[in-house]
PDB file of N, CA and C in Angstrom:
ATOM      1  N   MET A   1      36.557  35.414 -54.498  1.00  0.00           N
ATOM      2  CA  MET A   1      35.612  34.633 -55.258  1.00  0.00           C
ATOM      3  C   MET A   1      36.217  33.241 -55.457  1.00  0.00           C
ATOM      4  N   ASP A   2      35.511  32.257 -55.008  1.00  0.00           N
ATOM      5  CA  ASP A   2      36.026  30.903 -55.132  1.00  0.00           C
ATOM      6  C   ASP A   2      35.356  30.157 -56.287  1.00  0.00           C
ATOM      7  N   MET A   3      35.780  28.941 -56.492  1.00  0.00           N
ATOM      8  CA  MET A   3      35.320  28.151 -57.633  1.00  0.00           C
ATOM      9  C   MET A   3      33.835  27.802 -57.527  1.00  0.00           C
ATOM     10  N   THR A   4      33.281  27.729 -56.332  1.00  0.00           N
ATOM     11  CA  THR A   4      31.861  27.377 -56.200  1.00  0.00           C
ATOM     12  C   THR A   4      30.958  28.448 -56.797  1.00  0.00           C
ATOM     13  N   THR A   5      31.411  29.701 -56.774  1.00  0.00           N
ATOM     14  CA  THR A   5      30.636  30.781 -57.394  1.00  0.00           C
ATOM     15  C   THR A   5      30.486  30.537 -58.894  1.00  0.00           C
ATOM     16  N   PHE A   6      31.569  30.142 -59.528  1.00  0.00           N
ATOM     17  CA  PHE A   6      31.532  29.865 -60.964  1.00  0.00           C
ATOM     18  C   PHE A   6      30.657  28.648 -61.266  1.00  0.00           C
ATOM     19  N   ILE A   7      30.748  27.646 -60.419  1.00  0.00           N
ATOM     20  CA  ILE A   7      29.948  26.429 -60.625  1.00  0.00           C
ATOM     21  C   ILE A   7      28.464  26.742 -60.500  1.00  0.00           C
ATOM     22  N   TRP A   8      28.081  27.517 -59.468  1.00  0.00           N
ATOM     23  CA  TRP A   8      26.668  27.877 -59.303  1.00  0.00           C
ATOM     24  C   TRP A   8      26.177  28.751 -60.452  1.00  0.00           C
ATOM     25  N   ALA A   9      27.030  29.667 -60.904  1.00  0.00           N
ATOM     26  CA  ALA A   9      26.650  30.512 -62.044  1.00  0.00           C
ATOM     27  C   ALA A   9      26.411  29.650 -63.282  1.00  0.00           C
ATOM     28  N   PHE A  10      27.282  28.688 -63.505  1.00  0.00           N
ATOM     29  CA  PHE A  10      27.132  27.791 -64.647  1.00  0.00           C
ATOM     30  C   PHE A  10      25.864  26.957 -64.526  1.00  0.00           C
ATOM     31  N   LEU A  11      25.613  26.408 -63.344  1.00  0.00           N
ATOM     32  CA  LEU A  11      24.446  25.545 -63.165  1.00  0.00           C
ATOM     33  C   LEU A  11      23.129  26.309 -63.275  1.00  0.00           C
ATOM     34  N   VAL A  12      23.047  27.454 -62.618  1.00  0.00           N
ATOM     35  CA  VAL A  12      21.800  28.230 -62.651  1.00  0.00           C
ATOM     36  C   VAL A  12      21.574  28.837 -64.036  1.00  0.00           C
ATOM     37  N   GLY A  13      22.607  29.450 -64.605  1.00  0.00           N
ATOM     38  CA  GLY A  13      22.472  30.012 -65.953  1.00  0.00           C
ATOM     39  C   GLY A  13      22.168  28.929 -66.975  1.00  0.00           C
ATOM     40  N   GLY A  14      22.821  27.786 -66.832  1.00  0.00           N
ATOM     41  CA  GLY A  14      22.552  26.668 -67.721  1.00  0.00           C
ATOM     42  C   GLY A  14      21.139  26.134 -67.581  1.00  0.00           C
ATOM     43  N   ALA A  15      20.644  26.084 -66.345  1.00  0.00           N
ATOM     44  CA  ALA A  15      19.271  25.609 -66.118  1.00  0.00           C
ATOM     45  C   ALA A  15      18.252  26.549 -66.762  1.00  0.00           C
ATOM     46  N   ILE A  16      18.494  27.849 -66.669  1.00  0.00           N
ATOM     47  CA  ILE A  16      17.591  28.810 -67.308  1.00  0.00           C
ATOM     48  C   ILE A  16      17.622  28.626 -68.826  1.00  0.00           C
ATOM     49  N   CYS A  17      18.808  28.401 -69.375  1.00  0.00           N
ATOM     50  CA  CYS A  17      18.919  28.173 -70.826  1.00  0.00           C
ATOM     51  C   CYS A  17      18.243  26.869 -71.236  1.00  0.00           C
ATOM     52  N   VAL A  18      18.373  25.830 -70.415  1.00  0.00           N
ATOM     53  CA  VAL A  18      17.714  24.556 -70.717  1.00  0.00           C
ATOM     54  C   VAL A  18      16.198  24.736 -70.717  1.00  0.00           C
ATOM     55  N   ILE A  19      15.684  25.481 -69.761  1.00  0.00           N
ATOM     56  CA  ILE A  19      14.243  25.743 -69.718  1.00  0.00           C
ATOM     57  C   ILE A  19      13.811  26.470 -70.995  1.00  0.00           C
ATOM     58  N   GLY A  20      14.578  27.471 -71.392  1.00  0.00           N
ATOM     59  CA  GLY A  20      14.264  28.193 -72.624  1.00  0.00           C
ATOM     60  C   GLY A  20      14.298  27.283 -73.845  1.00  0.00           C
ATOM     61  N   GLN A  21      15.291  26.397 -73.905  1.00  0.00           N
ATOM     62  CA  GLN A  21      15.380  25.485 -75.046  1.00  0.00           C
ATOM     63  C   GLN A  21      14.237  24.480 -75.045  1.00  0.00           C
ATOM     64  N   LEU A  22      13.832  24.023 -73.864  1.00  0.00           N
ATOM     65  CA  LEU A  22      12.684  23.109 -73.772  1.00  0.00           C
ATOM     66  C   LEU A  22      11.394  23.789 -74.220  1.00  0.00           C
ATOM     67  N   LEU A  23      11.257  25.069 -73.889  1.00  0.00           N
ATOM     68  CA  LEU A  23      10.087  25.821 -74.355  1.00  0.00           C
ATOM     69  C   LEU A  23      10.032  25.849 -75.877  1.00  0.00           C
ATOM     70  N   LEU A  24      11.192  25.972 -76.498  1.00  0.00           N
ATOM     71  CA  LEU A  24      11.249  26.016 -77.958  1.00  0.00           C
ATOM     72  C   LEU A  24      11.045  24.631 -78.582  1.00  0.00           C
ATOM     73  N   ASP A  25      11.730  23.633 -78.061  1.00  0.00           N
ATOM     74  CA  ASP A  25      11.738  22.311 -78.695  1.00  0.00           C
ATOM     75  C   ASP A  25      10.545  21.446 -78.330  1.00  0.00           C
ATOM     76  N   VAL A  26      10.175  21.431 -77.059  1.00  0.00           N
ATOM     77  CA  VAL A  26       9.107  20.536 -76.611  1.00  0.00           C
ATOM     78  C   VAL A  26       7.735  21.174 -76.791  1.00  0.00           C
ATOM     79  N   LEU A  27       7.595  22.398 -76.322  1.00  0.00           N
ATOM     80  CA  LEU A  27       6.295  23.065 -76.424  1.00  0.00           C
ATOM     81  C   LEU A  27       6.096  23.772 -77.761  1.00  0.00           C
ATOM     82  N   LYS A  28       7.146  23.813 -78.573  1.00  0.00           N
ATOM     83  CA  LYS A  28       7.086  24.428 -79.905  1.00  0.00           C
ATOM     84  C   LYS A  28       6.665  25.897 -79.867  1.00  0.00           C
ATOM     85  N   LEU A  29       7.099  26.604 -78.820  1.00  0.00           N
ATOM     86  CA  LEU A  29       6.823  28.037 -78.746  1.00  0.00           C
ATOM     87  C   LEU A  29       7.761  28.773 -79.701  1.00  0.00           C
ATOM     88  N   THR A  30       7.315  29.918 -80.159  1.00  0.00           N
ATOM     89  CA  THR A  30       8.194  30.767 -80.958  1.00  0.00           C
ATOM     90  C   THR A  30       9.218  31.407 -80.024  1.00  0.00           C
ATOM     91  N   PRO A  31      10.341  31.883 -80.542  1.00  0.00           N
ATOM     92  CA  PRO A  31      11.321  32.538 -79.670  1.00  0.00           C
ATOM     93  C   PRO A  31      10.729  33.706 -78.876  1.00  0.00           C
ATOM     94  N   ALA A  32       9.835  34.455 -79.486  1.00  0.00           N
ATOM     95  CA  ALA A  32       9.209  35.581 -78.777  1.00  0.00           C
ATOM     96  C   ALA A  32       8.353  35.091 -77.608  1.00  0.00           C
ATOM     97  N   HIS A  33       7.604  34.013 -77.839  1.00  0.00           N
ATOM     98  CA  HIS A  33       6.779  33.476 -76.757  1.00  0.00           C
ATOM     99  C   HIS A  33       7.645  32.902 -75.641  1.00  0.00           C
ATOM    100  N   ALA A  34       8.719  32.215 -75.995  1.00  0.00           N
ATOM    101  CA  ALA A  34       9.621  31.665 -74.981  1.00  0.00           C
ATOM    102  C   ALA A  34      10.253  32.788 -74.166  1.00  0.00           C
ATOM    103  N   MET A  35      10.624  33.872 -74.833  1.00  0.00           N
ATOM    104  CA  MET A  35      11.207  35.006 -74.135  1.00  0.00           C
ATOM    105  C   MET A  35      10.202  35.615 -73.154  1.00  0.00           C
ATOM    106  N   CYS A  36       8.958  35.745 -73.586  1.00  0.00           N
ATOM    107  CA  CYS A  36       7.922  36.284 -72.707  1.00  0.00           C
ATOM    108  C   CYS A  36       7.702  35.386 -71.494  1.00  0.00           C
ATOM    109  N   VAL A  37       7.715  34.077 -71.712  1.00  0.00           N
ATOM    110  CA  VAL A  37       7.549  33.139 -70.594  1.00  0.00           C
ATOM    111  C   VAL A  37       8.682  33.320 -69.590  1.00  0.00           C
ATOM    112  N   LEU A  38       9.911  33.456 -70.070  1.00  0.00           N
ATOM    113  CA  LEU A  38      11.049  33.631 -69.167  1.00  0.00           C
ATOM    114  C   LEU A  38      10.998  34.962 -68.424  1.00  0.00           C
ATOM    115  N   VAL A  39      10.580  36.021 -69.100  1.00  0.00           N
ATOM    116  CA  VAL A  39      10.464  37.328 -68.436  1.00  0.00           C
ATOM    117  C   VAL A  39       9.383  37.280 -67.353  1.00  0.00           C
ATOM    118  N   VAL A  40       8.238  36.705 -67.681  1.00  0.00           N
ATOM    119  CA  VAL A  40       7.150  36.610 -66.697  1.00  0.00           C
ATOM    120  C   VAL A  40       7.557  35.701 -65.541  1.00  0.00           C
ATOM    121  N   ALA A  41       8.244  34.604 -65.841  1.00  0.00           N
ATOM    122  CA  ALA A  41       8.713  33.714 -64.770  1.00  0.00           C
ATOM    123  C   ALA A  41       9.679  34.438 -63.842  1.00  0.00           C
ATOM    124  N   GLY A  42      10.567  35.262 -64.418  1.00  0.00           N
ATOM    125  CA  GLY A  42      11.482  36.045 -63.590  1.00  0.00           C
ATOM    126  C   GLY A  42      10.743  37.031 -62.701  1.00  0.00           C
ATOM    127  N   ALA A  43       9.682  37.641 -63.236  1.00  0.00           N
ATOM    128  CA  ALA A  43       8.885  38.574 -62.435  1.00  0.00           C
ATOM    129  C   ALA A  43       8.148  37.847 -61.315  1.00  0.00           C
ATOM    130  N   ILE A  44       7.602  36.685 -61.622  1.00  0.00           N
ATOM    131  CA  ILE A  44       6.882  35.915 -60.592  1.00  0.00           C
ATOM    132  C   ILE A  44       7.842  35.460 -59.501  1.00  0.00           C
ATOM    133  N   LEU A  45       8.999  34.919 -59.904  1.00  0.00           N
ATOM    134  CA  LEU A  45       9.987  34.495 -58.905  1.00  0.00           C
ATOM    135  C   LEU A  45      10.491  35.689 -58.093  1.00  0.00           C
ATOM    136  N   GLY A  46      10.629  36.842 -58.738  1.00  0.00           N
ATOM    137  CA  GLY A  46      11.026  38.047 -58.018  1.00  0.00           C
ATOM    138  C   GLY A  46       9.970  38.492 -57.034  1.00  0.00           C
ATOM    139  N   GLY A  47       8.703  38.340 -57.406  1.00  0.00           N
ATOM    140  CA  GLY A  47       7.612  38.709 -56.508  1.00  0.00           C
ATOM    141  C   GLY A  47       7.596  37.881 -55.229  1.00  0.00           C
ATOM    142  N   PHE A  48       8.014  36.644 -55.342  1.00  0.00           N
ATOM    143  CA  PHE A  48       8.082  35.771 -54.167  1.00  0.00           C
ATOM    144  C   PHE A  48       9.434  35.847 -53.466  1.00  0.00           C
ATOM    145  N   GLY A  49      10.340  36.671 -53.976  1.00  0.00           N
ATOM    146  CA  GLY A  49      11.658  36.835 -53.357  1.00  0.00           C
ATOM    147  C   GLY A  49      12.633  35.724 -53.680  1.00  0.00           C
ATOM    148  N   ILE A  50      12.294  34.864 -54.609  1.00  0.00           N
ATOM    149  CA  ILE A  50      13.157  33.739 -54.947  1.00  0.00           C
ATOM    150  C   ILE A  50      14.267  34.162 -55.908  1.00  0.00           C
ATOM    151  N   TYR A  51      13.955  35.058 -56.836  1.00  0.00           N
ATOM    152  CA  TYR A  51      14.951  35.418 -57.844  1.00  0.00           C
ATOM    153  C   TYR A  51      16.147  36.142 -57.231  1.00  0.00           C
ATOM    154  N   ASP A  52      15.920  36.969 -56.234  1.00  0.00           N
ATOM    155  CA  ASP A  52      17.042  37.641 -55.568  1.00  0.00           C
ATOM    156  C   ASP A  52      17.963  36.635 -54.893  1.00  0.00           C
ATOM    157  N   GLN A  53      17.387  35.559 -54.365  1.00  0.00           N
ATOM    158  CA  GLN A  53      18.204  34.499 -53.769  1.00  0.00           C
ATOM    159  C   GLN A  53      19.035  33.786 -54.836  1.00  0.00           C
ATOM    160  N   LEU A  54      18.447  33.602 -56.027  1.00  0.00           N
ATOM    161  CA  LEU A  54      19.200  33.003 -57.136  1.00  0.00           C
ATOM    162  C   LEU A  54      20.365  33.892 -57.555  1.00  0.00           C
ATOM    163  N   VAL A  55      20.121  35.200 -57.628  1.00  0.00           N
ATOM    164  CA  VAL A  55      21.188  36.132 -57.995  1.00  0.00           C
ATOM    165  C   VAL A  55      22.280  36.124 -56.938  1.00  0.00           C
ATOM    166  N   GLU A  56      21.898  36.061 -55.682  1.00  0.00           N
ATOM    167  CA  GLU A  56      22.887  36.005 -54.601  1.00  0.00           C
ATOM    168  C   GLU A  56      23.716  34.729 -54.688  1.00  0.00           C
ATOM    169  N   LEU A  57      23.080  33.631 -55.027  1.00  0.00           N
ATOM    170  CA  LEU A  57      23.763  32.343 -55.109  1.00  0.00           C
ATOM    171  C   LEU A  57      24.623  32.231 -56.361  1.00  0.00           C
ATOM    172  N   ALA A  58      24.066  32.615 -57.509  1.00  0.00           N
ATOM    173  CA  ALA A  58      24.718  32.333 -58.788  1.00  0.00           C
ATOM    174  C   ALA A  58      25.306  33.555 -59.482  1.00  0.00           C
ATOM    175  N   GLY A  59      25.115  34.734 -58.956  1.00  0.00           N
ATOM    176  CA  GLY A  59      25.682  35.933 -59.572  1.00  0.00           C
ATOM    177  C   GLY A  59      25.213  36.122 -61.000  1.00  0.00           C
ATOM    178  N   ALA A  60      26.174  36.204 -61.931  1.00  0.00           N
ATOM    179  CA  ALA A  60      25.849  36.446 -63.337  1.00  0.00           C
ATOM    180  C   ALA A  60      25.050  35.308 -63.957  1.00  0.00           C
ATOM    181  N   GLY A  61      25.121  34.112 -63.374  1.00  0.00           N
ATOM    182  CA  GLY A  61      24.332  32.999 -63.893  1.00  0.00           C
ATOM    183  C   GLY A  61      22.846  33.263 -63.810  1.00  0.00           C
ATOM    184  N   ALA A  62      22.445  34.125 -62.879  1.00  0.00           N
ATOM    185  CA  ALA A  62      21.032  34.480 -62.749  1.00  0.00           C
ATOM    186  C   ALA A  62      20.744  35.913 -63.172  1.00  0.00           C
ATOM    187  N   SER A  63      21.748  36.784 -63.125  1.00  0.00           N
ATOM    188  CA  SER A  63      21.476  38.192 -63.441  1.00  0.00           C
ATOM    189  C   SER A  63      21.612  38.513 -64.924  1.00  0.00           C
ATOM    190  N   VAL A  64      22.256  37.659 -65.719  1.00  0.00           N
ATOM    191  CA  VAL A  64      22.427  37.922 -67.141  1.00  0.00           C
ATOM    192  C   VAL A  64      21.247  37.440 -67.989  1.00  0.00           C
ATOM    193  N   PRO A  65      20.661  36.259 -67.726  1.00  0.00           N
ATOM    194  CA  PRO A  65      19.564  35.794 -68.595  1.00  0.00           C
ATOM    195  C   PRO A  65      18.360  36.739 -68.600  1.00  0.00           C
ATOM    196  N   ILE A  66      17.507  36.577 -69.603  1.00  0.00           N
ATOM    197  CA  ILE A  66      16.348  37.459 -69.811  1.00  0.00           C
ATOM    198  C   ILE A  66      15.373  37.407 -68.641  1.00  0.00           C
ATOM    199  N   SER A  67      15.379  36.330 -67.877  1.00  0.00           N
ATOM    200  CA  SER A  67      14.478  36.245 -66.729  1.00  0.00           C
ATOM    201  C   SER A  67      14.806  37.316 -65.689  1.00  0.00           C
ATOM    202  N   SER A  68      16.051  37.753 -65.656  1.00  0.00           N
ATOM    203  CA  SER A  68      16.435  38.824 -64.745  1.00  0.00           C
ATOM    204  C   SER A  68      15.754  40.146 -65.118  1.00  0.00           C
ATOM    205  N   PHE A  69      15.458  40.325 -66.402  1.00  0.00           N
ATOM    206  CA  PHE A  69      14.762  41.533 -66.857  1.00  0.00           C
ATOM    207  C   PHE A  69      13.369  41.605 -66.226  1.00  0.00           C
ATOM    208  N   GLY A  70      12.666  40.476 -66.160  1.00  0.00           N
ATOM    209  CA  GLY A  70      11.355  40.440 -65.513  1.00  0.00           C
ATOM    210  C   GLY A  70      11.451  40.780 -64.040  1.00  0.00           C
ATOM    211  N   ASN A  71      12.487  40.262 -63.397  1.00  0.00           N
ATOM    212  CA  ASN A  71      12.704  40.574 -61.987  1.00  0.00           C
ATOM    213  C   ASN A  71      12.963  42.064 -61.796  1.00  0.00           C
ATOM    214  N   SER A  72      13.768  42.661 -62.680  1.00  0.00           N
ATOM    215  CA  SER A  72      14.057  44.102 -62.588  1.00  0.00           C
ATOM    216  C   SER A  72      12.814  44.944 -62.830  1.00  0.00           C
ATOM    217  N   LEU A  73      11.982  44.537 -63.792  1.00  0.00           N
ATOM    218  CA  LEU A  73      10.734  45.263 -64.037  1.00  0.00           C
ATOM    219  C   LEU A  73       9.861  45.277 -62.793  1.00  0.00           C
ATOM    220  N   LEU A  74       9.713  44.130 -62.169  1.00  0.00           N
ATOM    221  CA  LEU A  74       8.874  44.037 -60.983  1.00  0.00           C
ATOM    222  C   LEU A  74       9.451  44.842 -59.827  1.00  0.00           C
ATOM    223  N   LYS A  75      10.762  44.738 -59.623  1.00  0.00           N
ATOM    224  CA  LYS A  75      11.408  45.487 -58.539  1.00  0.00           C
ATOM    225  C   LYS A  75      11.188  46.985 -58.688  1.00  0.00           C
ATOM    226  N   GLY A  76      11.411  47.483 -59.903  1.00  0.00           N
ATOM    227  CA  GLY A  76      11.232  48.915 -60.156  1.00  0.00           C
ATOM    228  C   GLY A  76       9.803  49.354 -59.925  1.00  0.00           C
ATOM    229  N   ALA A  77       8.848  48.553 -60.391  1.00  0.00           N
ATOM    230  CA  ALA A  77       7.438  48.906 -60.205  1.00  0.00           C
ATOM    231  C   ALA A  77       7.065  48.913 -58.729  1.00  0.00           C
ATOM    232  N   LEU A  78       7.526  47.925 -57.979  1.00  0.00           N
ATOM    233  CA  LEU A  78       7.181  47.860 -56.555  1.00  0.00           C
ATOM    234  C   LEU A  78       7.816  48.992 -55.758  1.00  0.00           C
ATOM    235  N   GLU A  79       9.051  49.361 -56.116  1.00  0.00           N
ATOM    236  CA  GLU A  79       9.708  50.469 -55.408  1.00  0.00           C
ATOM    237  C   GLU A  79       8.989  51.793 -55.668  1.00  0.00           C
ATOM    238  N   GLU A  80       8.641  52.047 -56.908  1.00  0.00           N
ATOM    239  CA  GLU A  80       8.012  53.318 -57.266  1.00  0.00           C
ATOM    240  C   GLU A  80       6.548  53.400 -56.845  1.00  0.00           C
ATOM    241  N   ILE A  81       5.876  52.273 -56.744  1.00  0.00           N
ATOM    242  CA  ILE A  81       4.464  52.311 -56.340  1.00  0.00           C
ATOM    243  C   ILE A  81       4.346  52.764 -54.884  1.00  0.00           C
ATOM    244  N   GLU A  82       5.366  52.469 -54.084  1.00  0.00           N
ATOM    245  CA  GLU A  82       5.359  52.935 -52.690  1.00  0.00           C
ATOM    246  C   GLU A  82       5.529  54.443 -52.603  1.00  0.00           C
ATOM    247  N   VAL A  83       6.281  55.012 -53.542  1.00  0.00           N
ATOM    248  CA  VAL A  83       6.562  56.446 -53.518  1.00  0.00           C
ATOM    249  C   VAL A  83       5.472  57.256 -54.217  1.00  0.00           C
ATOM    250  N   HIS A  84       5.063  56.807 -55.417  1.00  0.00           N
ATOM    251  CA  HIS A  84       4.180  57.610 -56.253  1.00  0.00           C
ATOM    252  C   HIS A  84       2.784  57.033 -56.432  1.00  0.00           C
ATOM    253  N   GLY A  85       2.485  55.948 -55.795  1.00  0.00           N
ATOM    254  CA  GLY A  85       1.169  55.340 -55.969  1.00  0.00           C
ATOM    255  C   GLY A  85       1.087  54.570 -57.274  1.00  0.00           C
ATOM    256  N   LEU A  86      -0.108  54.487 -57.826  1.00  0.00           N
ATOM    257  CA  LEU A  86      -0.351  53.668 -59.006  1.00  0.00           C
ATOM    258  C   LEU A  86       0.464  54.098 -60.226  1.00  0.00           C
ATOM    259  N   ILE A  87       0.740  55.386 -60.370  1.00  0.00           N
ATOM    260  CA  ILE A  87       1.548  55.850 -61.508  1.00  0.00           C
ATOM    261  C   ILE A  87       2.972  55.317 -61.407  1.00  0.00           C
ATOM    262  N   GLY A  88       3.386  54.937 -60.204  1.00  0.00           N
ATOM    263  CA  GLY A  88       4.716  54.371 -59.994  1.00  0.00           C
ATOM    264  C   GLY A  88       4.932  53.061 -60.717  1.00  0.00           C
ATOM    265  N   VAL A  89       3.853  52.347 -61.038  1.00  0.00           N
ATOM    266  CA  VAL A  89       3.994  51.108 -61.799  1.00  0.00           C
ATOM    267  C   VAL A  89       4.615  51.420 -63.153  1.00  0.00           C
ATOM    268  N   ILE A  90       4.147  52.470 -63.790  1.00  0.00           N
ATOM    269  CA  ILE A  90       4.645  52.833 -65.116  1.00  0.00           C
ATOM    270  C   ILE A  90       6.045  53.435 -65.024  1.00  0.00           C
ATOM    271  N   THR A  91       6.252  54.356 -64.118  1.00  0.00           N
ATOM    272  CA  THR A  91       7.561  55.002 -64.023  1.00  0.00           C
ATOM    273  C   THR A  91       8.617  54.058 -63.465  1.00  0.00           C
ATOM    274  N   GLY A  92       8.223  53.146 -62.606  1.00  0.00           N
ATOM    275  CA  GLY A  92       9.178  52.241 -61.975  1.00  0.00           C
ATOM    276  C   GLY A  92       9.796  51.251 -62.932  1.00  0.00           C
ATOM    277  N   ILE A  93       9.003  50.753 -63.866  1.00  0.00           N
ATOM    278  CA  ILE A  93       9.578  49.776 -64.785  1.00  0.00           C
ATOM    279  C   ILE A  93      10.645  50.405 -65.673  1.00  0.00           C
ATOM    280  N   PHE A  94      10.525  51.699 -65.943  1.00  0.00           N
ATOM    281  CA  PHE A  94      11.529  52.348 -66.767  1.00  0.00           C
ATOM    282  C   PHE A  94      12.733  52.803 -65.958  1.00  0.00           C
ATOM    283  N   SER A  95      12.542  53.126 -64.689  1.00  0.00           N
ATOM    284  CA  SER A  95      13.676  53.590 -63.894  1.00  0.00           C
ATOM    285  C   SER A  95      14.691  52.478 -63.663  1.00  0.00           C
ATOM    286  N   MET A  96      14.230  51.245 -63.509  1.00  0.00           N
ATOM    287  CA  MET A  96      15.147  50.135 -63.249  1.00  0.00           C
ATOM    288  C   MET A  96      15.740  49.549 -64.528  1.00  0.00           C
ATOM    289  N   THR A  97      15.077  49.705 -65.642  1.00  0.00           N
ATOM    290  CA  THR A  97      15.506  49.012 -66.856  1.00  0.00           C
ATOM    291  C   THR A  97      15.882  49.956 -67.996  1.00  0.00           C
ATOM    292  N   SER A  98      15.917  51.245 -67.737  1.00  0.00           N
ATOM    293  CA  SER A  98      16.143  52.200 -68.832  1.00  0.00           C
ATOM    294  C   SER A  98      17.507  52.026 -69.488  1.00  0.00           C
ATOM    295  N   ALA A  99      18.534  51.689 -68.739  1.00  0.00           N
ATOM    296  CA  ALA A  99      19.862  51.519 -69.344  1.00  0.00           C
ATOM    297  C   ALA A  99      19.859  50.358 -70.332  1.00  0.00           C
ATOM    298  N   GLY A 100      19.253  49.238 -69.957  1.00  0.00           N
ATOM    299  CA  GLY A 100      19.198  48.083 -70.852  1.00  0.00           C
ATOM    300  C   GLY A 100      18.357  48.342 -72.076  1.00  0.00           C
ATOM    301  N   ILE A 101      17.235  49.006 -71.890  1.00  0.00           N
ATOM    302  CA  ILE A 101      16.364  49.327 -73.027  1.00  0.00           C
ATOM    303  C   ILE A 101      17.070  50.306 -73.972  1.00  0.00           C
ATOM    304  N   SER A 102      17.726  51.317 -73.410  1.00  0.00           N
ATOM    305  CA  SER A 102      18.446  52.288 -74.238  1.00  0.00           C
ATOM    306  C   SER A 102      19.569  51.624 -75.014  1.00  0.00           C
ATOM    307  N   ALA A 103      20.315  50.746 -74.353  1.00  0.00           N
ATOM    308  CA  ALA A 103      21.417  50.055 -75.033  1.00  0.00           C
ATOM    309  C   ALA A 103      20.886  49.196 -76.180  1.00  0.00           C
ATOM    310  N   ALA A 104      19.773  48.513 -75.963  1.00  0.00           N
ATOM    311  CA  ALA A 104      19.196  47.677 -77.026  1.00  0.00           C
ATOM    312  C   ALA A 104      18.795  48.523 -78.225  1.00  0.00           C
ATOM    313  N   ILE A 105      18.204  49.672 -77.974  1.00  0.00           N
ATOM    314  CA  ILE A 105      17.790  50.543 -79.075  1.00  0.00           C
ATOM    315  C   ILE A 105      18.997  51.104 -79.819  1.00  0.00           C
ATOM    316  N   ILE A 106      19.988  51.590 -79.083  1.00  0.00           N
ATOM    317  CA  ILE A 106      21.166  52.201 -79.707  1.00  0.00           C
ATOM    318  C   ILE A 106      21.956  51.176 -80.515  1.00  0.00           C
ATOM    319  N   PHE A 107      22.214  49.998 -79.932  1.00  0.00           N
ATOM    320  CA  PHE A 107      22.999  48.992 -80.651  1.00  0.00           C
ATOM    321  C   PHE A 107      22.228  48.404 -81.830  1.00  0.00           C
ATOM    322  N   SER A 108      20.925  48.327 -81.727  1.00  0.00           N
ATOM    323  CA  SER A 108      20.122  47.878 -82.867  1.00  0.00           C
ATOM    324  C   SER A 108      20.213  48.882 -84.009  1.00  0.00           C
ATOM    325  N   PHE A 109      20.177  50.154 -83.668  1.00  0.00           N
ATOM    326  CA  PHE A 109      20.295  51.201 -84.687  1.00  0.00           C
ATOM    327  C   PHE A 109      21.665  51.149 -85.359  1.00  0.00           C
ATOM    328  N   ILE A 110      22.714  50.999 -84.555  1.00  0.00           N
ATOM    329  CA  ILE A 110      24.070  50.913 -85.114  1.00  0.00           C
ATOM    330  C   ILE A 110      24.190  49.673 -86.006  1.00  0.00           C
ATOM    331  N   GLY A 111      23.633  48.551 -85.551  1.00  0.00           N
ATOM    332  CA  GLY A 111      23.665  47.338 -86.362  1.00  0.00           C
ATOM    333  C   GLY A 111      22.943  47.513 -87.675  1.00  0.00           C
ATOM    334  N   ALA A 112      21.827  48.233 -87.643  1.00  0.00           N
ATOM    335  CA  ALA A 112      21.070  48.484 -88.872  1.00  0.00           C
ATOM    336  C   ALA A 112      21.846  49.379 -89.831  1.00  0.00           C
ATOM    337  N   LEU A 113      22.662  50.282 -89.315  1.00  0.00           N
ATOM    338  CA  LEU A 113      23.474  51.137 -90.175  1.00  0.00           C
ATOM    339  C   LEU A 113      24.640  50.376 -90.801  1.00  0.00           C
ATOM    340  N   ILE A 114      25.194  49.430 -90.058  1.00  0.00           N
ATOM    341  CA  ILE A 114      26.379  48.716 -90.520  1.00  0.00           C
ATOM    342  C   ILE A 114      26.044  47.601 -91.497  1.00  0.00           C
ATOM    343  N   PHE A 115      25.017  46.817 -91.179  1.00  0.00           N
ATOM    344  CA  PHE A 115      24.709  45.634 -91.957  1.00  0.00           C
ATOM    345  C   PHE A 115      23.559  45.894 -92.944  1.00  0.00           C
ATOM    346  N   LYS A 116      23.647  45.217 -94.073  1.00  0.00           N
ATOM    347  CA  LYS A 116      22.631  45.364 -95.112  1.00  0.00           C
ATOM    348  C   LYS A 116      21.441  44.462 -94.788  1.00  0.00           C
ATOM    349  N   PRO A 117      20.228  45.014 -94.724  1.00  0.00           N
ATOM    350  CA  PRO A 117      19.065  44.182 -94.413  1.00  0.00           C
ATOM    351  C   PRO A 117      18.718  43.258 -95.565  1.00  0.00           C
ATOM    352  N   ARG A 118      18.096  42.139 -95.216  1.00  0.00           N
ATOM    353  CA  ARG A 118      17.628  41.203 -96.237  1.00  0.00           C
ATOM    354  C   ARG A 118      16.298  41.689 -96.801  1.00  0.00           C
ATOM    355  N   ASN A 119      15.954  41.181 -97.955  1.00  0.00           N
ATOM    356  CA  ASN A 119      14.676  41.574 -98.586  1.00  0.00           C
ATOM    357  C   ASN A 119      13.527  41.027 -97.848  1.00  0.00           C
TER     358      ASN A 119
END
């Protein structure tokens, strides 16, 4: 792994973060709306095969941001729809993303046990 890999990861990951920040600051979207825009953008770019090229180029710079979640949802749905037909859309999105969804639920639960909620 050479230094250009780190530079591309920084540039691509940084560009995704800048887009997210612009959605919040310029368009005045709520964080939830900005997150949805990034997830849908990742799915659209994945549908055109562009997001996989970004992951190949930038590694974690493209695979860590939330837009990668949209790409994973689409990939899982497309893979399963070939095997199981229309029901594969539902099962596919969970087969590719179940580890991330499970981790979010488990760590949120642990956080809720440890920290005192506000009123």
